[in-house]
Amino acid sequence: MAFNGKEGKPITLGQAKRWTKRYRDEHPGEVKAYFFGRDHIEQLLNERSKDGASKGIRIYFAVDDDGKKRLILVAATENQNNILPTDEGKDAPATIIDDGSGCPPDCPKDPNDPLS
């Protein structure tokens, strides 16, 4: 199946509340969320490769060299291929994003936010 840019779907606030609460209950003390800046998201959405333009963002779960859980974001094409730099360690046109701002410590300031 080719990606068309419409993958995923909206969910209700009720579902989001239940699911995030379940995660928090099952994983106390762990990061609850990551924030990635708009500029980086737009950069991924504007990526192109020989396989075509970005149709969206694929998010990988990862563990860094210090054992911390991370999220890695890459652009993906209609053909479901990642748009990756061509050569590790050199300037390349494609972008891989990490180092989002974790919650905690950078959680919503609203103490009544139901997802945090």
PDB file of N, CA and C in Angstrom:
ATOM      1  N   MET A   1       0.843  -1.176   0.000  1.00  0.00           N
ATOM      2  CA  MET A   1       0.000   0.000   0.000  1.00  0.00           C
ATOM      3  C   MET A   1       0.891   1.242   0.000  1.00  0.00           C
ATOM      4  N   ALA A   2       0.669   2.139  -0.872  1.00  0.00           N
ATOM      5  CA  ALA A   2       1.432   3.387  -0.922  1.00  0.00           C
ATOM      6  C   ALA A   2       0.898   4.367   0.118  1.00  0.00           C
ATOM      7  N   PHE A   3       1.798   5.174   0.666  1.00  0.00           N
ATOM      8  CA  PHE A   3       1.372   6.246   1.558  1.00  0.00           C
ATOM      9  C   PHE A   3       0.735   7.349   0.728  1.00  0.00           C
ATOM     10  N   ASN A   4      -0.336   7.938   1.254  1.00  0.00           N
ATOM     11  CA  ASN A   4      -0.992   9.034   0.538  1.00  0.00           C
ATOM     12  C   ASN A   4      -0.990  10.337   1.337  1.00  0.00           C
ATOM     13  N   GLY A   5      -0.379  10.324   2.502  1.00  0.00           N
ATOM     14  CA  GLY A   5      -0.339  11.527   3.330  1.00  0.00           C
ATOM     15  C   GLY A   5      -1.521  11.657   4.268  1.00  0.00           C
ATOM     16  N   LYS A   6      -2.433  10.678   4.239  1.00  0.00           N
ATOM     17  CA  LYS A   6      -3.617  10.735   5.108  1.00  0.00           C
ATOM     18  C   LYS A   6      -3.609   9.622   6.154  1.00  0.00           C
ATOM     19  N   GLU A   7      -2.462   8.973   6.334  1.00  0.00           N
ATOM     20  CA  GLU A   7      -2.368   7.891   7.307  1.00  0.00           C
ATOM     21  C   GLU A   7      -2.580   8.438   8.714  1.00  0.00           C
ATOM     22  N   GLY A   8      -3.107   7.601   9.574  1.00  0.00           N
ATOM     23  CA  GLY A   8      -3.464   8.036  10.919  1.00  0.00           C
ATOM     24  C   GLY A   8      -4.888   8.544  10.913  1.00  0.00           C
ATOM     25  N   LYS A   9      -5.394   8.822  12.083  1.00  0.00           N
ATOM     26  CA  LYS A   9      -6.752   9.366  12.175  1.00  0.00           C
ATOM     27  C   LYS A   9      -6.901  10.105  13.489  1.00  0.00           C
ATOM     28  N   PRO A  10      -7.803  11.049  13.507  1.00  0.00           N
ATOM     29  CA  PRO A  10      -8.078  11.745  14.762  1.00  0.00           C
ATOM     30  C   PRO A  10      -8.702  10.782  15.778  1.00  0.00           C
ATOM     31  N   ILE A  11      -8.418  11.021  17.039  1.00  0.00           N
ATOM     32  CA  ILE A  11      -9.090  10.284  18.107  1.00  0.00           C
ATOM     33  C   ILE A  11      -9.741  11.309  19.024  1.00  0.00           C
ATOM     34  N   THR A  12     -10.615  10.822  19.884  1.00  0.00           N
ATOM     35  CA  THR A  12     -11.307  11.727  20.799  1.00  0.00           C
ATOM     36  C   THR A  12     -10.401  12.085  21.976  1.00  0.00           C
ATOM     37  N   LEU A  13     -10.739  13.174  22.642  1.00  0.00           N
ATOM     38  CA  LEU A  13     -10.017  13.547  23.846  1.00  0.00           C
ATOM     39  C   LEU A  13     -10.156  12.445  24.893  1.00  0.00           C
ATOM     40  N   GLY A  14     -11.327  11.826  24.965  1.00  0.00           N
ATOM     41  CA  GLY A  14     -11.540  10.736  25.918  1.00  0.00           C
ATOM     42  C   GLY A  14     -10.571   9.583  25.691  1.00  0.00           C
ATOM     43  N   GLN A  15     -10.392   9.188  24.431  1.00  0.00           N
ATOM     44  CA  GLN A  15      -9.436   8.119  24.122  1.00  0.00           C
ATOM     45  C   GLN A  15      -8.027   8.544  24.514  1.00  0.00           C
ATOM     46  N   ALA A  16      -7.655   9.760  24.140  1.00  0.00           N
ATOM     47  CA  ALA A  16      -6.311  10.248  24.450  1.00  0.00           C
ATOM     48  C   ALA A  16      -6.071  10.262  25.958  1.00  0.00           C
ATOM     49  N   LYS A  17      -7.071  10.682  26.728  1.00  0.00           N
ATOM     50  CA  LYS A  17      -6.946  10.697  28.190  1.00  0.00           C
ATOM     51  C   LYS A  17      -6.727   9.284  28.727  1.00  0.00           C
ATOM     52  N   ARG A  18      -7.579   8.345  28.287  1.00  0.00           N
ATOM     53  CA  ARG A  18      -7.473   6.961  28.774  1.00  0.00           C
ATOM     54  C   ARG A  18      -6.123   6.352  28.412  1.00  0.00           C
ATOM     55  N   TRP A  19      -5.718   6.513  27.183  1.00  0.00           N
ATOM     56  CA  TRP A  19      -4.496   5.873  26.708  1.00  0.00           C
ATOM     57  C   TRP A  19      -3.254   6.464  27.362  1.00  0.00           C
ATOM     58  N   THR A  20      -3.204   7.796  27.503  1.00  0.00           N
ATOM     59  CA  THR A  20      -2.027   8.394  28.131  1.00  0.00           C
ATOM     60  C   THR A  20      -1.991   8.098  29.631  1.00  0.00           C
ATOM     61  N   LYS A  21      -3.162   8.034  30.266  1.00  0.00           N
ATOM     62  CA  LYS A  21      -3.205   7.665  31.686  1.00  0.00           C
ATOM     63  C   LYS A  21      -2.720   6.233  31.869  1.00  0.00           C
ATOM     64  N   ARG A  22      -3.159   5.333  31.003  1.00  0.00           N
ATOM     65  CA  ARG A  22      -2.723   3.934  31.080  1.00  0.00           C
ATOM     66  C   ARG A  22      -1.201   3.853  30.954  1.00  0.00           C
ATOM     67  N   TYR A  23      -0.647   4.600  30.019  1.00  0.00           N
ATOM     68  CA  TYR A  23       0.809   4.594  29.852  1.00  0.00           C
ATOM     69  C   TYR A  23       1.499   5.114  31.116  1.00  0.00           C
ATOM     70  N   ARG A  24       1.016   6.236  31.646  1.00  0.00           N
ATOM     71  CA  ARG A  24       1.620   6.801  32.856  1.00  0.00           C
ATOM     72  C   ARG A  24       1.528   5.826  34.026  1.00  0.00           C
ATOM     73  N   ASP A  25       0.386   5.147  34.157  1.00  0.00           N
ATOM     74  CA  ASP A  25       0.203   4.185  35.247  1.00  0.00           C
ATOM     75  C   ASP A  25       1.136   2.986  35.095  1.00  0.00           C
ATOM     76  N   GLU A  26       1.353   2.546  33.861  1.00  0.00           N
ATOM     77  CA  GLU A  26       2.178   1.362  33.610  1.00  0.00           C
ATOM     78  C   GLU A  26       3.672   1.673  33.541  1.00  0.00           C
ATOM     79  N   HIS A  27       4.016   2.954  33.388  1.00  0.00           N
ATOM     80  CA  HIS A  27       5.421   3.347  33.245  1.00  0.00           C
ATOM     81  C   HIS A  27       5.737   4.559  34.123  1.00  0.00           C
ATOM     82  N   PRO A  28       5.560   4.422  35.446  1.00  0.00           N
ATOM     83  CA  PRO A  28       5.805   5.579  36.321  1.00  0.00           C
ATOM     84  C   PRO A  28       7.262   6.033  36.238  1.00  0.00           C
ATOM     85  N   GLY A  29       7.445   7.338  36.275  1.00  0.00           N
ATOM     86  CA  GLY A  29       8.790   7.897  36.270  1.00  0.00           C
ATOM     87  C   GLY A  29       9.435   8.012  34.902  1.00  0.00           C
ATOM     88  N   GLU A  30       8.772   7.510  33.863  1.00  0.00           N
ATOM     89  CA  GLU A  30       9.347   7.587  32.519  1.00  0.00           C
ATOM     90  C   GLU A  30       8.869   8.840  31.797  1.00  0.00           C
ATOM     91  N   VAL A  31       9.581   9.179  30.740  1.00  0.00           N
ATOM     92  CA  VAL A  31       9.168  10.305  29.905  1.00  0.00           C
ATOM     93  C   VAL A  31       7.778  10.016  29.360  1.00  0.00           C
ATOM     94  N   LYS A  32       6.906  11.029  29.420  1.00  0.00           N
ATOM     95  CA  LYS A  32       5.515  10.879  28.973  1.00  0.00           C
ATOM     96  C   LYS A  32       5.308  11.377  27.560  1.00  0.00           C
ATOM     97  N   ALA A  33       6.154  12.287  27.124  1.00  0.00           N
ATOM     98  CA  ALA A  33       5.953  12.906  25.814  1.00  0.00           C
ATOM     99  C   ALA A  33       7.242  13.577  25.371  1.00  0.00           C
ATOM    100  N   TYR A  34       7.310  13.867  24.097  1.00  0.00           N
ATOM    101  CA  TYR A  34       8.394  14.672  23.535  1.00  0.00           C
ATOM    102  C   TYR A  34       7.783  15.785  22.709  1.00  0.00           C
ATOM    103  N   PHE A  35       8.431  16.932  22.737  1.00  0.00           N
ATOM    104  CA  PHE A  35       8.038  18.052  21.893  1.00  0.00           C
ATOM    105  C   PHE A  35       9.111  18.245  20.834  1.00  0.00           C
ATOM    106  N   PHE A  36       8.669  18.373  19.570  1.00  0.00           N
ATOM    107  CA  PHE A  36       9.565  18.681  18.463  1.00  0.00           C
ATOM    108  C   PHE A  36       9.089  19.978  17.833  1.00  0.00           C
ATOM    109  N   GLY A  37      10.006  20.891  17.600  1.00  0.00           N
ATOM    110  CA  GLY A  37       9.666  22.205  17.072  1.00  0.00           C
ATOM    111  C   GLY A  37       9.135  22.175  15.649  1.00  0.00           C
ATOM    112  N   ARG A  38       8.288  23.126  15.372  1.00  0.00           N
ATOM    113  CA  ARG A  38       7.644  23.271  14.065  1.00  0.00           C
ATOM    114  C   ARG A  38       8.662  23.322  12.922  1.00  0.00           C
ATOM    115  N   ASP A  39       9.762  24.056  13.119  1.00  0.00           N
ATOM    116  CA  ASP A  39      10.749  24.180  12.047  1.00  0.00           C
ATOM    117  C   ASP A  39      11.277  22.816  11.617  1.00  0.00           C
ATOM    118  N   HIS A  40      11.539  21.942  12.597  1.00  0.00           N
ATOM    119  CA  HIS A  40      12.044  20.608  12.259  1.00  0.00           C
ATOM    120  C   HIS A  40      10.970  19.755  11.587  1.00  0.00           C
ATOM    121  N   ILE A  41       9.743  19.864  12.050  1.00  0.00           N
ATOM    122  CA  ILE A  41       8.640  19.114  11.432  1.00  0.00           C
ATOM    123  C   ILE A  41       8.463  19.562   9.985  1.00  0.00           C
ATOM    124  N   GLU A  42       8.458  20.869   9.763  1.00  0.00           N
ATOM    125  CA  GLU A  42       8.317  21.379   8.394  1.00  0.00           C
ATOM    126  C   GLU A  42       9.489  20.953   7.521  1.00  0.00           C
ATOM    127  N   GLN A  43      10.680  20.932   8.098  1.00  0.00           N
ATOM    128  CA  GLN A  43      11.853  20.492   7.344  1.00  0.00           C
ATOM    129  C   GLN A  43      11.664  19.051   6.870  1.00  0.00           C
ATOM    130  N   LEU A  44      11.181  18.186   7.749  1.00  0.00           N
ATOM    131  CA  LEU A  44      10.932  16.797   7.353  1.00  0.00           C
ATOM    132  C   LEU A  44       9.855  16.711   6.280  1.00  0.00           C
ATOM    133  N   LEU A  45       8.791  17.475   6.439  1.00  0.00           N
ATOM    134  CA  LEU A  45       7.696  17.424   5.465  1.00  0.00           C
ATOM    135  C   LEU A  45       8.107  17.982   4.104  1.00  0.00           C
ATOM    136  N   ASN A  46       9.147  18.795   4.066  1.00  0.00           N
ATOM    137  CA  ASN A  46       9.626  19.361   2.805  1.00  0.00           C
ATOM    138  C   ASN A  46      10.743  18.545   2.156  1.00  0.00           C
ATOM    139  N   GLU A  47      11.133  17.435   2.766  1.00  0.00           N
ATOM    140  CA  GLU A  47      12.208  16.603   2.213  1.00  0.00           C
ATOM    141  C   GLU A  47      11.798  15.986   0.882  1.00  0.00           C
ATOM    142  N   ARG A  48      12.800  15.745   0.040  1.00  0.00           N
ATOM    143  CA  ARG A  48      12.609  15.058  -1.243  1.00  0.00           C
ATOM    144  C   ARG A  48      13.762  14.077  -1.423  1.00  0.00           C
ATOM    145  N   SER A  49      13.500  13.019  -2.165  1.00  0.00           N
ATOM    146  CA  SER A  49      14.552  12.080  -2.537  1.00  0.00           C
ATOM    147  C   SER A  49      14.271  11.616  -3.958  1.00  0.00           C
ATOM    148  N   LYS A  50      15.149  10.764  -4.482  1.00  0.00           N
ATOM    149  CA  LYS A  50      14.909  10.230  -5.828  1.00  0.00           C
ATOM    150  C   LYS A  50      13.628   9.406  -5.862  1.00  0.00           C
ATOM    151  N   ASP A  51      13.167   8.981  -4.693  1.00  0.00           N
ATOM    152  CA  ASP A  51      11.938   8.192  -4.575  1.00  0.00           C
ATOM    153  C   ASP A  51      10.694   9.075  -4.493  1.00  0.00           C
ATOM    154  N   GLY A  52      10.880  10.376  -4.389  1.00  0.00           N
ATOM    155  CA  GLY A  52       9.737  11.278  -4.343  1.00  0.00           C
ATOM    156  C   GLY A  52       9.762  12.193  -3.138  1.00  0.00           C
ATOM    157  N   ALA A  53       8.677  12.922  -2.995  1.00  0.00           N
ATOM    158  CA  ALA A  53       8.535  13.888  -1.906  1.00  0.00           C
ATOM    159  C   ALA A  53       8.050  13.202  -0.633  1.00  0.00           C
ATOM    160  N   SER A  54       8.305  13.844   0.481  1.00  0.00           N
ATOM    161  CA  SER A  54       7.817  13.355   1.766  1.00  0.00           C
ATOM    162  C   SER A  54       6.291  13.365   1.785  1.00  0.00           C
ATOM    163  N   LYS A  55       5.727  12.263   2.245  1.00  0.00           N
ATOM    164  CA  LYS A  55       4.277  12.178   2.437  1.00  0.00           C
ATOM    165  C   LYS A  55       3.915  12.229   3.911  1.00  0.00           C
ATOM    166  N   GLY A  56       4.936  12.213   4.755  1.00  0.00           N
ATOM    167  CA  GLY A  56       4.681  12.242   6.185  1.00  0.00           C
ATOM    168  C   GLY A  56       5.946  11.943   6.963  1.00  0.00           C
ATOM    169  N   ILE A  57       5.762  11.626   8.218  1.00  0.00           N
ATOM    170  CA  ILE A  57       6.883  11.411   9.126  1.00  0.00           C
ATOM    171  C   ILE A  57       6.749  10.036   9.767  1.00  0.00           C
ATOM    172  N   ARG A  58       7.838   9.283   9.751  1.00  0.00           N
ATOM    173  CA  ARG A  58       7.901   7.998  10.455  1.00  0.00           C
ATOM    174  C   ARG A  58       8.668   8.253  11.749  1.00  0.00           C
ATOM    175  N   ILE A  59       8.155   7.685  12.835  1.00  0.00           N
ATOM    176  CA  ILE A  59       8.770   7.880  14.146  1.00  0.00           C
ATOM    177  C   ILE A  59       9.263   6.535  14.659  1.00  0.00           C
ATOM    178  N   TYR A  60      10.557   6.464  14.919  1.00  0.00           N
ATOM    179  CA  TYR A  60      11.172   5.242  15.435  1.00  0.00           C
ATOM    180  C   TYR A  60      11.397   5.356  16.934  1.00  0.00           C
ATOM    181  N   PHE A  61      11.165   4.258  17.645  1.00  0.00           N
ATOM    182  CA  PHE A  61      11.553   4.148  19.043  1.00  0.00           C
ATOM    183  C   PHE A  61      13.018   3.727  19.044  1.00  0.00           C
ATOM    184  N   ALA A  62      13.815   4.323  19.913  1.00  0.00           N
ATOM    185  CA  ALA A  62      15.239   4.022  19.945  1.00  0.00           C
ATOM    186  C   ALA A  62      15.749   4.117  21.378  1.00  0.00           C
ATOM    187  N   VAL A  63      16.939   3.575  21.590  1.00  0.00           N
ATOM    188  CA  VAL A  63      17.632   3.687  22.872  1.00  0.00           C
ATOM    189  C   VAL A  63      19.012   4.259  22.570  1.00  0.00           C
ATOM    190  N   ASP A  64      19.356   5.378  23.209  1.00  0.00           N
ATOM    191  CA  ASP A  64      20.639   6.026  22.918  1.00  0.00           C
ATOM    192  C   ASP A  64      21.788   5.302  23.615  1.00  0.00           C
ATOM    193  N   ASP A  65      22.990   5.820  23.432  1.00  0.00           N
ATOM    194  CA  ASP A  65      24.187   5.172  23.969  1.00  0.00           C
ATOM    195  C   ASP A  65      24.233   5.156  25.489  1.00  0.00           C
ATOM    196  N   ASP A  66      23.413   6.002  26.127  1.00  0.00           N
ATOM    197  CA  ASP A  66      23.335   6.021  27.589  1.00  0.00           C
ATOM    198  C   ASP A  66      22.163   5.201  28.117  1.00  0.00           C
ATOM    199  N   GLY A  67      21.464   4.501  27.218  1.00  0.00           N
ATOM    200  CA  GLY A  67      20.348   3.654  27.618  1.00  0.00           C
ATOM    201  C   GLY A  67      19.021   4.374  27.755  1.00  0.00           C
ATOM    202  N   LYS A  68      18.953   5.655  27.358  1.00  0.00           N
ATOM    203  CA  LYS A  68      17.704   6.410  27.460  1.00  0.00           C
ATOM    204  C   LYS A  68      16.840   6.188  26.223  1.00  0.00           C
ATOM    205  N   LYS A  69      15.529   6.060  26.458  1.00  0.00           N
ATOM    206  CA  LYS A  69      14.588   5.916  25.351  1.00  0.00           C
ATOM    207  C   LYS A  69      14.518   7.222  24.576  1.00  0.00           C
ATOM    208  N   ARG A  70      14.456   7.119  23.265  1.00  0.00           N
ATOM    209  CA  ARG A  70      14.413   8.285  22.389  1.00  0.00           C
ATOM    210  C   ARG A  70      13.397   8.054  21.284  1.00  0.00           C
ATOM    211  N   LEU A  71      13.015   9.129  20.616  1.00  0.00           N
ATOM    212  CA  LEU A  71      12.227   9.062  19.391  1.00  0.00           C
ATOM    213  C   LEU A  71      13.076   9.657  18.279  1.00  0.00           C
ATOM    214  N   ILE A  72      13.113   8.979  17.140  1.00  0.00           N
ATOM    215  CA  ILE A  72      13.841   9.465  15.973  1.00  0.00           C
ATOM    216  C   ILE A  72      12.830   9.660  14.858  1.00  0.00           C
ATOM    217  N   LEU A  73      12.820  10.847  14.274  1.00  0.00           N
ATOM    218  CA  LEU A  73      11.860  11.197  13.225  1.00  0.00           C
ATOM    219  C   LEU A  73      12.568  11.285  11.884  1.00  0.00           C
ATOM    220  N   VAL A  74      11.975  10.657  10.868  1.00  0.00           N
ATOM    221  CA  VAL A  74      12.479  10.745   9.499  1.00  0.00           C
ATOM    222  C   VAL A  74      11.304  10.960   8.564  1.00  0.00           C
ATOM    223  N   ALA A  75      11.579  11.579   7.436  1.00  0.00           N
ATOM    224  CA  ALA A  75      10.557  11.734   6.406  1.00  0.00           C
ATOM    225  C   ALA A  75      10.404  10.405   5.674  1.00  0.00           C
ATOM    226  N   ALA A  76       9.200  10.143   5.170  1.00  0.00           N
ATOM    227  CA  ALA A  76       8.946   8.928   4.392  1.00  0.00           C
ATOM    228  C   ALA A  76       8.180   9.292   3.124  1.00  0.00           C
ATOM    229  N   THR A  77       8.457   8.546   2.060  1.00  0.00           N
ATOM    230  CA  THR A  77       7.847   8.808   0.759  1.00  0.00           C
ATOM    231  C   THR A  77       6.567   8.007   0.568  1.00  0.00           C
ATOM    232  N   GLU A  78       5.892   8.299  -0.512  1.00  0.00           N
ATOM    233  CA  GLU A  78       4.681   7.585  -0.902  1.00  0.00           C
ATOM    234  C   GLU A  78       4.930   6.078  -1.002  1.00  0.00           C
ATOM    235  N   ASN A  79       6.137   5.691  -1.423  1.00  0.00           N
ATOM    236  CA  ASN A  79       6.479   4.273  -1.565  1.00  0.00           C
ATOM    237  C   ASN A  79       6.906   3.636  -0.252  1.00  0.00           C
ATOM    238  N   GLN A  80       6.681   4.319   0.845  1.00  0.00           N
ATOM    239  CA  GLN A  80       6.959   3.850   2.200  1.00  0.00           C
ATOM    240  C   GLN A  80       8.446   3.779   2.524  1.00  0.00           C
ATOM    241  N   ASN A  81       9.270   4.459   1.741  1.00  0.00           N
ATOM    242  CA  ASN A  81      10.708   4.477   1.990  1.00  0.00           C
ATOM    243  C   ASN A  81      11.088   5.708   2.801  1.00  0.00           C
ATOM    244  N   ASN A  82      12.053   5.529   3.702  1.00  0.00           N
ATOM    245  CA  ASN A  82      12.576   6.654   4.469  1.00  0.00           C
ATOM    246  C   ASN A  82      13.450   7.526   3.578  1.00  0.00           C
ATOM    247  N   ILE A  83      13.425   8.821   3.823  1.00  0.00           N
ATOM    248  CA  ILE A  83      14.341   9.747   3.158  1.00  0.00           C
ATOM    249  C   ILE A  83      15.490   9.972   4.133  1.00  0.00           C
ATOM    250  N   LEU A  84      16.647   9.395   3.806  1.00  0.00           N
ATOM    251  CA  LEU A  84      17.791   9.406   4.710  1.00  0.00           C
ATOM    252  C   LEU A  84      18.977  10.110   4.074  1.00  0.00           C
ATOM    253  N   PRO A  85      19.891  10.633   4.900  1.00  0.00           N
ATOM    254  CA  PRO A  85      21.125  11.190   4.343  1.00  0.00           C
ATOM    255  C   PRO A  85      21.859  10.113   3.547  1.00  0.00           C
ATOM    256  N   THR A  86      22.604  10.543   2.550  1.00  0.00           N
ATOM    257  CA  THR A  86      23.268   9.575   1.676  1.00  0.00           C
ATOM    258  C   THR A  86      24.530   8.991   2.272  1.00  0.00           C
ATOM    259  N   ASP A  87      25.196   9.701   3.165  1.00  0.00           N
ATOM    260  CA  ASP A  87      26.457   9.213   3.703  1.00  0.00           C
ATOM    261  C   ASP A  87      26.613   9.703   5.136  1.00  0.00           C
ATOM    262  N   GLU A  88      26.695   8.766   6.062  1.00  0.00           N
ATOM    263  CA  GLU A  88      26.793   9.124   7.474  1.00  0.00           C
ATOM    264  C   GLU A  88      28.003  10.019   7.735  1.00  0.00           C
ATOM    265  N   GLY A  89      27.770  11.073   8.495  1.00  0.00           N
ATOM    266  CA  GLY A  89      28.856  11.952   8.888  1.00  0.00           C
ATOM    267  C   GLY A  89      29.182  13.051   7.896  1.00  0.00           C
ATOM    268  N   LYS A  90      28.538  13.059   6.748  1.00  0.00           N
ATOM    269  CA  LYS A  90      28.795  14.106   5.754  1.00  0.00           C
ATOM    270  C   LYS A  90      27.537  14.929   5.567  1.00  0.00           C
ATOM    271  N   ASP A  91      27.721  16.145   5.044  1.00  0.00           N
ATOM    272  CA  ASP A  91      26.559  16.960   4.709  1.00  0.00           C
ATOM    273  C   ASP A  91      25.707  16.209   3.704  1.00  0.00           C
ATOM    274  N   ALA A  92      24.448  16.103   3.984  1.00  0.00           N
ATOM    275  CA  ALA A  92      23.536  15.404   3.088  1.00  0.00           C
ATOM    276  C   ALA A  92      22.224  16.169   3.074  1.00  0.00           C
ATOM    277  N   PRO A  93      21.448  16.039   2.013  1.00  0.00           N
ATOM    278  CA  PRO A  93      20.217  16.809   1.916  1.00  0.00           C
ATOM    279  C   PRO A  93      19.109  16.359   2.859  1.00  0.00           C
ATOM    280  N   ALA A  94      19.131  15.130   3.301  1.00  0.00           N
ATOM    281  CA  ALA A  94      18.042  14.628   4.137  1.00  0.00           C
ATOM    282  C   ALA A  94      18.340  14.863   5.619  1.00  0.00           C
ATOM    283  N   THR A  95      17.294  14.810   6.411  1.00  0.00           N
ATOM    284  CA  THR A  95      17.392  15.136   7.828  1.00  0.00           C
ATOM    285  C   THR A  95      16.849  13.999   8.674  1.00  0.00           C
ATOM    286  N   ILE A  96      17.511  13.731   9.785  1.00  0.00           N
ATOM    287  CA  ILE A  96      17.015  12.823  10.817  1.00  0.00           C
ATOM    288  C   ILE A  96      16.919  13.665  12.089  1.00  0.00           C
ATOM    289  N   ILE A  97      15.762  13.640  12.739  1.00  0.00           N
ATOM    290  CA  ILE A  97      15.527  14.497  13.906  1.00  0.00           C
ATOM    291  C   ILE A  97      15.494  13.662  15.191  1.00  0.00           C
ATOM    292  N   ASP A  98      16.175  14.152  16.203  1.00  0.00           N
ATOM    293  CA  ASP A  98      16.141  13.590  17.549  1.00  0.00           C
ATOM    294  C   ASP A  98      16.218  14.770  18.510  1.00  0.00           C
ATOM    295  N   ASP A  99      16.380  14.476  19.752  1.00  0.00           N
ATOM    296  CA  ASP A  99      16.595  15.474  20.790  1.00  0.00           C
ATOM    297  C   ASP A  99      15.378  16.362  21.008  1.00  0.00           C
ATOM    298  N   GLY A 100      14.194  15.730  20.932  1.00  0.00           N
ATOM    299  CA  GLY A 100      12.993  16.457  21.307  1.00  0.00           C
ATOM    300  C   GLY A 100      13.051  16.797  22.787  1.00  0.00           C
ATOM    301  N   SER A 101      12.272  17.735  23.177  1.00  0.00           N
ATOM    302  CA  SER A 101      12.228  18.168  24.565  1.00  0.00           C
ATOM    303  C   SER A 101      11.280  17.252  25.335  1.00  0.00           C
ATOM    304  N   GLY A 102      11.811  16.508  26.296  1.00  0.00           N
ATOM    305  CA  GLY A 102      11.021  15.522  27.023  1.00  0.00           C
ATOM    306  C   GLY A 102      10.143  16.124  28.107  1.00  0.00           C
ATOM    307  N   CYS A 103       9.085  15.391  28.402  1.00  0.00           N
ATOM    308  CA  CYS A 103       8.166  15.729  29.487  1.00  0.00           C
ATOM    309  C   CYS A 103       8.097  14.522  30.417  1.00  0.00           C
ATOM    310  N   PRO A 104       8.597  14.614  31.628  1.00  0.00           N
ATOM    311  CA  PRO A 104       9.268  15.737  32.220  1.00  0.00           C
ATOM    312  C   PRO A 104      10.680  15.898  31.642  1.00  0.00           C
ATOM    313  N   PRO A 105      11.248  17.069  31.787  1.00  0.00           N
ATOM    314  CA  PRO A 105      10.846  18.203  32.610  1.00  0.00           C
ATOM    315  C   PRO A 105       9.956  19.210  31.886  1.00  0.00           C
ATOM    316  N   ASP A 106       9.935  19.181  30.566  1.00  0.00           N
ATOM    317  CA  ASP A 106       9.229  20.228  29.818  1.00  0.00           C
ATOM    318  C   ASP A 106       7.793  19.826  29.507  1.00  0.00           C
ATOM    319  N   CYS A 107       6.974  19.764  30.536  1.00  0.00           N
ATOM    320  CA  CYS A 107       5.568  19.375  30.399  1.00  0.00           C
ATOM    321  C   CYS A 107       4.690  20.612  30.217  1.00  0.00           C
ATOM    322  N   PRO A 108       3.430  20.415  29.812  1.00  0.00           N
ATOM    323  CA  PRO A 108       2.528  21.563  29.707  1.00  0.00           C
ATOM    324  C   PRO A 108       2.473  22.326  31.034  1.00  0.00           C
ATOM    325  N   LYS A 109       2.401  23.634  30.940  1.00  0.00           N
ATOM    326  CA  LYS A 109       2.344  24.476  32.143  1.00  0.00           C
ATOM    327  C   LYS A 109       0.969  24.443  32.804  1.00  0.00           C
ATOM    328  N   ASP A 110      -0.047  24.052  32.044  1.00  0.00           N
ATOM    329  CA  ASP A 110      -1.410  23.961  32.569  1.00  0.00           C
ATOM    330  C   ASP A 110      -1.506  22.746  33.494  1.00  0.00           C
ATOM    331  N   PRO A 111      -1.693  22.945  34.806  1.00  0.00           N
ATOM    332  CA  PRO A 111      -1.749  21.819  35.739  1.00  0.00           C
ATOM    333  C   PRO A 111      -2.955  20.910  35.511  1.00  0.00           C
ATOM    334  N   ASN A 112      -3.940  21.375  34.752  1.00  0.00           N
ATOM    335  CA  ASN A 112      -5.130  20.570  34.484  1.00  0.00           C
ATOM    336  C   ASN A 112      -5.080  19.864  33.134  1.00  0.00           C
ATOM    337  N   ASP A 113      -3.937  19.914  32.452  1.00  0.00           N
ATOM    338  CA  ASP A 113      -3.824  19.242  31.157  1.00  0.00           C
ATOM    339  C   ASP A 113      -4.068  17.747  31.354  1.00  0.00           C
ATOM    340  N   PRO A 114      -5.094  17.174  30.709  1.00  0.00           N
ATOM    341  CA  PRO A 114      -5.467  15.790  30.967  1.00  0.00           C
ATOM    342  C   PRO A 114      -4.522  14.757  30.361  1.00  0.00           C
ATOM    343  N   LEU A 115      -3.606  15.164  29.502  1.00  0.00           N
ATOM    344  CA  LEU A 115      -2.708  14.195  28.881  1.00  0.00           C
ATOM    345  C   LEU A 115      -1.381  14.076  29.607  1.00  0.00           C
ATOM    346  N   SER A 116      -1.141  14.957  30.551  1.00  0.00           N
ATOM    347  CA  SER A 116       0.135  14.936  31.274  1.00  0.00           C
ATOM    348  C   SER A 116      -0.044  14.464  32.695  1.00  0.00           C
TER     349      SER A 116
END
